[in-house]
Every structure is written in structure tokens, then in C-alpha cells.
């Protein structure tokens, strides 16, 4: 039945740019935000809907779908995710055929490898407490975007420490487990 599903637009998709756009959106709300899920929809599809088209247009006028690049995607923030384990929440999500991809923005805590080994013997709650209070922790915002055809992109913003600027990393392999979990929401 996959032949009836829309495929991601042909040609180069600037999925890295979509992930960066989502990260900038999340950054606008500051640190301390909840995980946010986004549907990725071809902008041309949205332009055919008069209500959506007028929202996308800078001046509120309807957009001409033929004037929009076939590769353009629009991220659409979804309702707030329920409390609970993210992997369990994602395992219950499915998307309509108009959605060619999805993305997730979440804040995480990163530890150096030497600190991670000390967490191996702890239960989940104790490990989370130890990670969030560890003196070498780095807070970060991770955005992962995936498409139905398997392409993925990631952006990781490491929160600045000691007055330095934030560090920004990009790459499709930043969070392979999250890529897999988001890709599973797109399967039949």
C-alpha cells in the first residue's frame, strides 16, 4: 500500500535547513521547553488550501502552488506531547498520507563518556538525577527530522557555558535511535 502514499518531494530537500528552522523556532521560546513534535508537509500541498496558504504568505494573500519549489517543506508544530517515556509516546503516533516526514525538538543533557559509565548501574530515576546534577553536564537542544524515504537530518545546540557562545552541531547521525523512532511513526 506504500505506492499510494505521497513521497517526499523529488530533488534536493534541504532537510538540514528544516531542522535548523525548527531549532530556531524552539530557541525563540528559550530554554526549559517541552519536547515538540512537528509534521513535515510539502509547502505546495499547504498552498492548495486557502486557509493554510494565507497563513504561509507574508502579506496574507493566497500563494500560487506552482510558484513554490517542489522540494519546499513546512514544519507544523503538533499539540503538546503527553507526559511519559518519549519512546512509548512515539510508538503510538501515526501520520496521515499528506505528511511526508516528521521532526522532534527536545532538550537533553550530555555527559562526557567518563561520566556515562558511572550511570550504568543506576535505575532510570537515579541516572536522570545524577545526569542533571553532574558538574560536567552540558545542556543541549536536539532536533531530528526524518522523511518517509529514510533521509534524516539533525541539529544539536549545546547551551553556552561561562559566557561563551552556543555550539551548534549538525549531522544525520547525531541521534540514530531517535531517527529510528521517528521513522517508525511514518511506516504503515
Protein backbone atom coordinates (compact mmCIF):
# COMPACT_ATOMS: atom_id res chain seq x y z
CA UNK A 1 0.00 0.00 0.00
CA UNK A 2 3.03 2.32 0.14
CA UNK A 3 2.58 3.17 -3.56
CA UNK A 4 -0.48 5.27 -2.62
CA UNK A 5 1.39 7.34 -0.04
CA UNK A 6 2.86 10.64 -1.20
CA UNK A 7 6.59 10.53 -1.42
CA UNK A 8 8.88 13.29 -0.24
CA UNK A 9 9.38 15.87 -2.96
CA UNK A 10 11.86 14.97 -5.70
CA UNK A 11 15.12 16.81 -5.95
CA UNK A 12 17.30 18.18 -3.23
CA UNK A 13 15.48 18.65 0.04
CA UNK A 14 17.15 20.99 2.41
CA UNK A 15 16.25 18.83 5.38
CA UNK A 16 19.16 20.35 7.32
CA UNK A 17 17.55 23.75 6.77
CA UNK A 18 14.18 22.47 8.01
CA UNK A 19 15.85 21.07 11.16
CA UNK A 20 17.66 24.40 11.66
CA UNK A 21 14.36 26.29 11.22
CA UNK A 22 12.74 24.13 13.89
CA UNK A 23 15.70 24.66 16.24
CA UNK A 24 15.45 28.44 15.74
CA UNK A 25 11.70 28.24 16.48
CA UNK A 26 12.41 26.31 19.70
CA UNK A 27 15.21 28.71 20.63
CA UNK A 28 12.75 31.59 20.39
CA UNK A 29 10.93 30.13 23.40
CA UNK A 30 14.18 29.92 25.40
CA UNK A 31 15.49 27.00 27.38
CA UNK A 32 13.29 24.79 29.51
CA UNK A 33 10.77 23.82 26.86
CA UNK A 34 8.97 20.52 26.46
CA UNK A 35 9.64 18.14 23.56
CA UNK A 36 7.75 19.29 20.47
CA UNK A 37 6.71 17.14 17.54
CA UNK A 38 6.36 18.56 14.02
CA UNK A 39 4.68 17.23 10.89
CA UNK A 40 6.63 17.95 7.68
CA UNK A 41 4.27 18.71 4.82
CA UNK A 42 5.09 19.77 1.25
CA UNK A 43 4.53 23.52 1.11
CA UNK A 44 2.81 23.10 -2.26
CA UNK A 45 0.21 20.88 -0.58
CA UNK A 46 -0.48 23.58 2.00
CA UNK A 47 -0.66 26.25 -0.69
CA UNK A 48 -3.66 24.50 -2.25
CA UNK A 49 -5.64 25.07 0.97
CA UNK A 50 -6.78 28.74 1.03
CA UNK A 51 -6.70 28.98 4.83
CA UNK A 52 -3.21 27.49 5.10
CA UNK A 53 -1.97 29.44 2.09
CA UNK A 54 -2.92 32.78 3.62
CA UNK A 55 -1.09 31.88 6.84
CA UNK A 56 2.07 30.97 4.91
CA UNK A 57 2.05 34.14 2.84
CA UNK A 58 3.92 37.12 4.32
CA UNK A 59 1.11 39.50 3.32
CA UNK A 60 -1.78 37.09 3.92
CA UNK A 61 -2.61 36.69 0.24
CA UNK A 62 -3.10 33.23 -1.28
CA UNK A 63 0.03 31.52 -2.59
CA UNK A 64 0.41 30.13 -6.09
CA UNK A 65 1.33 26.44 -5.61
CA UNK A 66 3.14 26.39 -8.96
CA UNK A 67 5.44 29.18 -7.77
CA UNK A 68 6.65 27.10 -4.81
CA UNK A 69 9.60 24.77 -5.12
CA UNK A 70 8.65 21.09 -5.23
CA UNK A 71 11.25 20.44 -2.53
CA UNK A 72 9.91 23.00 -0.03
CA UNK A 73 8.65 21.56 3.24
CA UNK A 74 6.76 23.32 6.01
CA UNK A 75 7.10 22.14 9.62
CA UNK A 76 3.81 22.20 11.53
CA UNK A 77 4.03 22.07 15.33
CA UNK A 78 1.71 19.48 16.85
CA UNK A 79 -0.17 19.52 20.13
CA UNK A 80 1.88 19.15 23.28
CA UNK A 81 3.05 15.61 23.84
CA UNK A 82 1.66 13.80 26.87
CA UNK A 83 3.86 13.07 29.87
CA UNK A 84 5.66 9.77 29.76
CA UNK A 85 8.57 7.99 28.17
CA UNK A 86 9.24 9.51 24.76
CA UNK A 87 9.85 6.15 23.09
CA UNK A 88 6.44 4.89 24.27
CA UNK A 89 4.71 8.08 23.14
CA UNK A 90 6.30 7.95 19.70
CA UNK A 91 5.37 4.28 19.28
CA UNK A 92 1.70 5.32 19.39
CA UNK A 93 1.93 8.01 16.70
CA UNK A 94 0.98 7.65 13.06
CA UNK A 95 0.67 10.24 10.33
CA UNK A 96 -1.84 10.88 7.52
CA UNK A 97 -0.64 10.47 3.96
CA UNK A 98 -0.13 14.22 3.43
CA UNK A 99 2.72 14.16 5.95
CA UNK A 100 5.98 13.20 4.22
CA UNK A 101 8.12 13.47 7.34
CA UNK A 102 8.27 14.50 10.94
CA UNK A 103 10.67 16.12 13.39
CA UNK A 104 11.16 16.35 17.13
CA UNK A 105 12.78 19.07 19.18
CA UNK A 106 13.82 18.17 22.71
CA UNK A 107 16.19 19.34 25.39
CA UNK A 108 18.75 16.83 26.58
CA UNK A 109 21.67 16.60 28.98
CA UNK A 110 25.01 15.46 27.58
CA UNK A 111 27.76 13.95 29.69
CA UNK A 112 31.38 13.10 28.89
CA UNK A 113 31.94 9.36 28.27
CA UNK A 114 33.72 9.00 31.64
CA UNK A 115 30.58 10.19 33.46
CA UNK A 116 28.23 7.96 31.46
CA UNK A 117 29.85 4.74 32.65
CA UNK A 118 29.08 5.68 36.25
CA UNK A 119 25.35 5.72 35.38
CA UNK A 120 25.24 2.17 34.01
CA UNK A 121 24.39 0.52 37.35
CA UNK A 122 21.71 3.05 38.37
CA UNK A 123 17.96 2.74 37.81
CA UNK A 124 16.41 5.28 35.44
CA UNK A 125 15.35 7.83 38.07
CA UNK A 126 18.72 7.74 39.82
CA UNK A 127 20.55 8.02 36.50
CA UNK A 128 18.45 11.03 35.45
CA UNK A 129 19.11 12.73 38.79
CA UNK A 130 22.84 12.03 38.55
CA UNK A 131 23.00 13.31 34.95
CA UNK A 132 21.14 16.56 35.66
CA UNK A 133 23.35 17.38 38.64
CA UNK A 134 26.69 16.20 37.21
CA UNK A 135 29.28 19.03 37.23
CA UNK A 136 30.45 18.22 33.66
CA UNK A 137 26.96 18.09 32.10
CA UNK A 138 26.09 20.14 29.06
CA UNK A 139 22.51 21.09 28.36
CA UNK A 140 21.55 20.88 24.72
CA UNK A 141 18.61 21.13 22.35
CA UNK A 142 18.36 18.33 19.80
CA UNK A 143 16.25 18.48 16.66
CA UNK A 144 15.92 15.42 14.45
CA UNK A 145 13.94 15.43 11.20
CA UNK A 146 13.14 12.35 9.08
CA UNK A 147 11.35 11.71 5.80
CA UNK A 148 9.37 8.69 4.66
CA UNK A 149 12.14 7.80 2.19
CA UNK A 150 14.66 7.41 5.03
CA UNK A 151 16.54 10.70 4.76
CA UNK A 152 17.27 12.38 8.07
CA UNK A 153 18.93 15.47 9.50
CA UNK A 154 19.89 16.62 12.95
CA UNK A 155 20.84 19.82 14.74
CA UNK A 156 22.30 19.94 18.23
CA UNK A 157 22.69 23.25 20.05
CA UNK A 158 24.94 22.98 23.12
CA UNK A 159 23.92 25.61 25.65
CA UNK A 160 26.66 28.13 26.30
CA UNK A 161 28.67 27.94 29.48
CA UNK A 162 30.80 30.62 31.11
CA UNK A 163 29.57 33.37 28.80
CA UNK A 164 30.74 31.63 25.62
CA UNK A 165 28.53 31.32 22.55
CA UNK A 166 26.35 28.27 21.99
CA UNK A 167 27.94 25.49 19.96
CA UNK A 168 25.95 24.17 17.01
CA UNK A 169 26.49 20.73 15.52
CA UNK A 170 24.69 19.23 12.53
CA UNK A 171 24.50 15.78 11.03
CA UNK A 172 22.15 12.96 10.19
CA UNK A 173 23.83 10.62 12.69
CA UNK A 174 23.54 12.76 15.84
CA UNK A 175 20.79 10.59 17.34
CA UNK A 176 20.32 7.30 15.44
CA UNK A 177 17.85 5.89 18.00
CA UNK A 178 15.62 8.96 17.67
CA UNK A 179 15.88 8.76 13.86
CA UNK A 180 14.66 5.17 14.07
CA UNK A 181 11.82 6.02 16.47
CA UNK A 182 10.60 8.92 14.32
CA UNK A 183 10.91 6.84 11.14
CA UNK A 184 8.71 4.17 12.73
CA UNK A 185 5.91 6.76 13.12
CA UNK A 186 5.93 7.14 9.33
CA UNK A 187 5.57 3.46 8.46
CA UNK A 188 2.35 1.76 7.53
